[in-house]
Amino acid sequence: QGTNPLSFYQAGRERYAGERFFWEDPAKEITITGLGNVKKLKAAANAERYREVEKSWIKLQETAVKTGVTDLEATGPLLFGGFSFDYESNSKLLWNQFGDNLFYIPAFMLSIVGKQAYLTTNLLCSPDDSEKLFRDMINEREAFLFESLDGAPCGPNSLVRQREVQPEEWQRTVKDAVEEIKTTDLDKIVLARELRLTFDHSINSGKVLERLIAEQPLSYIFSLEAGGDCFVGATPERLIKKQGHDVFSTCLAGSMGRG
């Protein structure tokens, strides 16, 4: 009890740079933080991508040896990652590090379930590996856990430049959307635009998560690192949640009246 998952995330900033993730639900009932990458799963960008990742994950679990607490939600070996919305149009250079889909199993995962903390250690090995592989993993875990969870101090990071990407095209898109709403049965069109911000030095995703948790307490808070990039954000919308044999969905994105 009293374990801070965000401190755990921050403590791995240098040792596990590019291999961290964070996820927390609005009720603060489950928080998961992962560090390191013992196995990455990716599928080809096609209509079978979901099934292919699932097959790879099931195959991996068939030979897994699990000990300790593994039957509790959010504990034991977990696969964390995500898919793009549309595999046919996900070619932007901005998402190169992630690709169409990216999932990985962390070396160390801290799960806060209710008020109880659980630490999962994952190791990928074969019958031909020596015991040294296991001992090295244990030594790495002990060395990491005894390090300061406060991490290095983070100084101020000032905004240097702000640039709107293709503003003229954005204005045309808005104009076209308004016209389409006026002339068709559409009541609403959701648009998005890109804004590039440049700071004095690299962004500390842990500090971004800290601000999101404080400012958006009713949202799901998440981050996923891939190489030098990090996908971080907050959303109040739960698309799909599977718990046992039950599936839940809550769609909040629309602001139009419902009846």
Protein backbone atom coordinates (compact mmCIF):
# COMPACT_ATOMS: atom_id res chain seq x y z
CA GLN A 1 0.00 0.00 0.00
CA GLY A 2 1.14 3.58 -0.57
CA THR A 3 2.97 2.64 -3.78
CA ASN A 4 2.92 5.41 -6.37
CA PRO A 5 2.67 3.96 -9.90
CA LEU A 6 3.67 7.28 -11.45
CA SER A 7 6.90 7.28 -9.42
CA PHE A 8 7.52 3.74 -10.68
CA TYR A 9 7.03 4.99 -14.24
CA GLN A 10 9.34 7.96 -13.70
CA ALA A 11 12.05 5.81 -12.12
CA GLY A 12 12.40 3.91 -15.40
CA ARG A 13 12.84 7.03 -17.51
CA GLU A 14 16.51 6.42 -18.31
CA ARG A 15 16.96 2.68 -17.80
CA TYR A 16 13.86 1.79 -19.84
CA ALA A 17 13.60 4.77 -22.18
CA GLY A 18 11.26 4.00 -25.07
CA GLU A 19 9.87 0.91 -23.31
CA ARG A 20 7.33 2.21 -20.80
CA PHE A 21 3.57 2.35 -20.58
CA PHE A 22 0.99 3.69 -18.15
CA TRP A 23 -2.77 3.15 -17.88
CA GLU A 24 -5.28 4.29 -15.25
CA ASP A 25 -9.07 4.16 -15.20
CA PRO A 26 -11.22 7.12 -14.03
CA ALA A 27 -12.31 5.34 -10.84
CA LYS A 28 -8.64 4.75 -9.92
CA GLU A 29 -9.56 1.11 -9.32
CA ILE A 30 -6.85 -0.18 -11.66
CA THR A 31 -3.53 1.42 -12.55
CA ILE A 32 -0.91 -0.44 -14.60
CA THR A 33 2.66 0.67 -15.24
CA GLY A 34 5.07 -1.32 -17.41
CA LEU A 35 8.84 -1.02 -17.83
CA GLY A 36 11.08 -2.84 -20.28
CA ASN A 37 10.22 -5.05 -23.23
CA VAL A 38 10.80 -8.81 -23.15
CA LYS A 39 8.66 -9.59 -26.20
CA LYS A 40 7.15 -7.45 -28.95
CA LEU A 41 4.15 -8.60 -30.99
CA LYS A 42 3.24 -7.00 -34.32
CA ALA A 43 1.01 -8.09 -37.17
CA ALA A 44 0.83 -7.16 -40.83
CA ALA A 45 -1.36 -4.16 -41.61
CA ASN A 46 -4.40 -5.97 -42.97
CA ALA A 47 -7.90 -7.07 -41.99
CA GLU A 48 -6.51 -10.05 -40.03
CA ARG A 49 -4.30 -7.96 -37.73
CA TYR A 50 -6.47 -8.43 -34.62
CA ARG A 51 -6.65 -12.18 -35.07
CA GLU A 52 -2.92 -12.47 -35.77
CA VAL A 53 -1.93 -10.64 -32.60
CA GLU A 54 -4.39 -12.75 -30.62
CA LYS A 55 -2.95 -15.98 -32.09
CA SER A 56 0.60 -14.94 -31.22
CA TRP A 57 -0.43 -14.05 -27.68
CA ILE A 58 -2.30 -17.33 -27.13
CA LYS A 59 0.64 -19.33 -28.50
CA LEU A 60 3.02 -17.53 -26.16
CA GLN A 61 0.83 -18.22 -23.14
CA GLU A 62 0.54 -21.93 -23.92
CA THR A 63 4.16 -22.48 -22.90
CA ALA A 64 4.31 -19.83 -20.17
CA VAL A 65 5.13 -20.78 -16.59
CA LYS A 66 3.19 -18.57 -14.18
CA THR A 67 3.73 -18.32 -10.44
CA GLY A 68 2.37 -16.08 -7.70
CA VAL A 69 -0.81 -14.04 -8.17
CA THR A 70 -1.96 -14.56 -11.75
CA ASP A 71 -5.74 -14.98 -11.52
CA LEU A 72 -6.51 -11.42 -10.40
CA GLU A 73 -7.50 -8.79 -12.94
CA ALA A 74 -4.55 -6.68 -14.16
CA THR A 75 -1.93 -9.06 -12.73
CA GLY A 76 0.29 -11.73 -14.23
CA PRO A 77 1.67 -11.54 -17.79
CA LEU A 78 -0.19 -8.87 -19.77
CA LEU A 79 0.14 -7.61 -23.32
CA PHE A 80 -0.09 -3.84 -23.70
CA GLY A 81 -0.37 -1.81 -26.90
CA GLY A 82 -2.85 -0.82 -29.56
CA PHE A 83 -3.99 -0.68 -33.18
CA SER A 84 -4.45 2.22 -35.56
CA PHE A 85 -8.04 3.06 -36.48
CA ASP A 86 -7.55 2.31 -40.17
CA TYR A 87 -4.70 0.12 -41.41
CA GLU A 88 -5.20 1.37 -44.98
CA SER A 89 -4.50 5.02 -44.17
CA ASN A 90 -1.90 4.82 -41.40
CA SER A 91 1.13 5.91 -43.43
CA LYS A 92 2.03 9.19 -41.71
CA LEU A 93 5.69 9.57 -40.80
CA LEU A 94 4.53 10.78 -37.39
CA TRP A 95 3.52 7.22 -36.43
CA ASN A 96 6.49 5.32 -37.88
CA GLN A 97 7.74 4.12 -34.49
CA PHE A 98 4.36 2.56 -33.72
CA GLY A 99 3.35 1.30 -37.14
CA ASP A 100 -0.16 0.01 -37.69
CA ASN A 101 -0.04 -1.95 -34.43
CA LEU A 102 2.33 -2.46 -31.55
CA PHE A 103 2.13 -4.63 -28.44
CA TYR A 104 4.73 -5.72 -25.94
CA ILE A 105 5.16 -7.63 -22.71
CA PRO A 106 6.99 -5.57 -20.07
CA ALA A 107 9.93 -6.86 -18.06
CA PHE A 108 8.44 -5.36 -14.90
CA MET A 109 4.82 -4.38 -14.35
CA LEU A 110 3.34 -2.67 -11.33
CA SER A 111 -0.42 -3.16 -10.94
CA ILE A 112 -2.48 -1.25 -8.40
CA VAL A 113 -5.79 -3.07 -7.94
CA GLY A 114 -7.96 -1.34 -5.39
CA LYS A 115 -5.51 -0.50 -2.62
CA GLN A 116 -3.22 -3.47 -3.21
CA ALA A 117 0.01 -3.37 -5.25
CA TYR A 118 1.36 -6.28 -7.31
CA LEU A 119 4.72 -6.51 -9.10
CA THR A 120 4.99 -8.87 -12.07
CA THR A 121 8.37 -9.92 -13.47
CA ASN A 122 8.42 -11.40 -16.99
CA LEU A 123 11.31 -13.32 -18.53
CA LEU A 124 11.40 -14.86 -22.00
CA CYS A 125 13.55 -17.99 -22.04
CA SER A 126 13.93 -21.46 -23.57
CA PRO A 127 15.06 -24.84 -22.18
CA ASP A 128 18.53 -24.16 -23.59
CA ASP A 129 19.05 -20.97 -21.58
CA SER A 130 21.22 -21.10 -18.46
CA GLU A 131 20.17 -20.12 -14.96
CA LYS A 132 22.31 -17.00 -15.36
CA LEU A 133 19.55 -15.45 -17.47
CA PHE A 134 17.17 -15.78 -14.54
CA ARG A 135 19.71 -14.51 -12.01
CA ASP A 136 20.51 -11.50 -14.21
CA MET A 137 16.81 -10.61 -14.36
CA ILE A 138 16.46 -10.87 -10.58
CA ASN A 139 19.57 -8.72 -10.08
CA GLU A 140 18.23 -6.14 -12.51
CA ARG A 141 14.93 -6.04 -10.64
CA GLU A 142 16.61 -5.65 -7.26
CA ALA A 143 18.93 -2.91 -8.55
CA PHE A 144 16.01 -1.03 -10.05
CA LEU A 145 13.77 -1.33 -7.00
CA PHE A 146 16.48 0.01 -4.72
CA GLU A 147 17.01 3.05 -6.90
CA SER A 148 15.27 6.25 -5.92
CA LEU A 149 11.71 6.27 -7.23
CA ASP A 150 11.79 10.03 -7.33
CA GLY A 151 14.00 10.04 -10.42
CA ALA A 152 16.05 12.98 -11.61
CA PRO A 153 14.61 16.45 -10.90
CA CYS A 154 12.73 17.97 -13.79
CA GLY A 155 13.30 21.66 -14.43
CA PRO A 156 11.06 24.08 -16.31
CA ASN A 157 10.48 23.41 -20.00
CA SER A 158 9.50 26.50 -21.96
CA LEU A 159 7.54 26.58 -25.21
CA VAL A 160 9.82 27.85 -27.98
CA ARG A 161 7.63 27.64 -31.07
CA GLN A 162 4.05 26.85 -32.04
CA ARG A 163 3.09 25.96 -35.60
CA GLU A 164 -0.27 25.08 -37.11
CA VAL A 165 0.03 22.36 -39.75
CA GLN A 166 -1.67 23.26 -43.06
CA PRO A 167 -4.03 25.91 -41.60
CA GLU A 168 -5.48 26.82 -45.02
CA GLU A 169 -6.45 23.23 -45.67
CA TRP A 170 -8.04 23.08 -42.22
CA GLN A 171 -10.15 26.16 -42.94
CA ARG A 172 -11.31 24.65 -46.23
CA THR A 173 -12.21 21.43 -44.44
CA VAL A 174 -14.31 23.34 -41.90
CA LYS A 175 -16.04 25.26 -44.68
CA ASP A 176 -16.80 22.05 -46.59
CA ALA A 177 -18.10 20.37 -43.43
CA VAL A 178 -20.46 23.26 -42.67
CA GLU A 179 -21.77 23.17 -46.23
CA GLU A 180 -22.32 19.41 -46.05
CA ILE A 181 -24.30 19.74 -42.82
CA LYS A 182 -26.48 22.43 -44.43
CA THR A 183 -27.19 20.42 -47.57
CA THR A 184 -27.44 16.84 -46.28
CA ASP A 185 -29.01 14.88 -43.43
CA LEU A 186 -25.81 15.08 -41.39
CA ASP A 187 -26.16 16.83 -38.03
CA LYS A 188 -22.55 16.71 -36.91
CA ILE A 189 -19.03 16.18 -38.31
CA VAL A 190 -16.04 15.69 -36.02
CA LEU A 191 -12.82 17.25 -37.31
CA ALA A 192 -9.28 17.30 -35.97
CA ARG A 193 -6.18 19.29 -36.80
CA GLU A 194 -2.48 19.03 -36.06
CA LEU A 195 -0.49 21.48 -33.96
CA ARG A 196 3.32 21.25 -33.60
CA LEU A 197 4.88 22.54 -30.37
CA THR A 198 8.63 22.88 -29.84
CA PHE A 199 10.08 23.13 -26.31
CA ASP A 200 13.47 23.93 -24.81
CA HIS A 201 14.22 20.25 -24.25
CA SER A 202 12.57 16.84 -24.60
CA ILE A 203 9.16 16.33 -23.02
CA ASN A 204 9.01 14.32 -19.80
CA SER A 205 5.99 12.08 -20.37
CA GLY A 206 5.79 11.37 -16.64
CA LYS A 207 5.19 15.05 -15.96
CA VAL A 208 2.54 15.13 -18.69
CA LEU A 209 0.80 12.17 -17.05
CA GLU A 210 0.99 13.92 -13.69
CA ARG A 211 -0.78 16.98 -15.12
CA LEU A 212 -3.40 14.88 -16.90
CA ILE A 213 -4.20 12.93 -13.74
CA ALA A 214 -4.62 16.19 -11.81
CA GLU A 215 -6.61 18.07 -14.47
CA GLN A 216 -8.75 15.26 -15.92
CA PRO A 217 -9.75 13.06 -12.97
CA LEU A 218 -12.73 11.58 -14.83
CA SER A 219 -10.70 10.34 -17.80
CA TYR A 220 -8.73 7.27 -18.71
CA ILE A 221 -5.06 8.31 -18.60
CA PHE A 222 -2.53 6.49 -20.76
CA SER A 223 0.90 6.55 -22.36
CA LEU A 224 2.80 4.15 -24.61
CA GLU A 225 6.43 4.63 -25.60
CA ALA A 226 8.00 3.34 -28.81
CA GLY A 227 11.62 4.22 -29.43
CA GLY A 228 11.98 7.98 -29.07
CA ASP A 229 8.24 8.62 -29.39
CA CYS A 230 5.44 8.54 -26.83
CA PHE A 231 1.68 8.38 -27.38
CA VAL A 232 0.14 10.02 -24.32
CA GLY A 233 -3.35 11.27 -23.63
CA ALA A 234 -6.61 11.25 -21.71
CA THR A 235 -10.14 10.33 -22.73
CA PRO A 236 -13.46 10.06 -20.86
CA GLU A 237 -14.69 7.51 -23.38
CA ARG A 238 -14.51 3.76 -22.82
CA LEU A 239 -14.92 2.06 -26.17
CA ILE A 240 -14.73 -1.57 -25.07
CA LYS A 241 -14.03 -3.27 -21.74
CA LYS A 242 -14.01 -7.05 -21.34
CA GLN A 243 -14.30 -8.48 -17.85
CA GLY A 244 -14.62 -12.24 -17.71
CA HIS A 245 -17.38 -13.13 -20.17
CA ASP A 246 -18.92 -9.64 -20.08
CA VAL A 247 -18.26 -6.82 -22.55
CA PHE A 248 -18.98 -3.18 -21.67
CA SER A 249 -19.06 -0.08 -23.89
CA THR A 250 -19.62 3.59 -23.09
CA CYS A 251 -19.63 6.09 -25.97
CA LEU A 252 -19.43 9.72 -24.87
CA ALA A 253 -17.83 11.46 -27.83
CA GLY A 254 -21.03 12.89 -29.27
CA SER A 255 -22.33 16.21 -27.98
CA MET A 256 -25.59 16.04 -29.93
CA GLY A 257 -28.83 15.45 -28.10
CA ARG A 258 -29.99 11.87 -27.79
CA GLY A 259 -33.51 10.55 -27.50
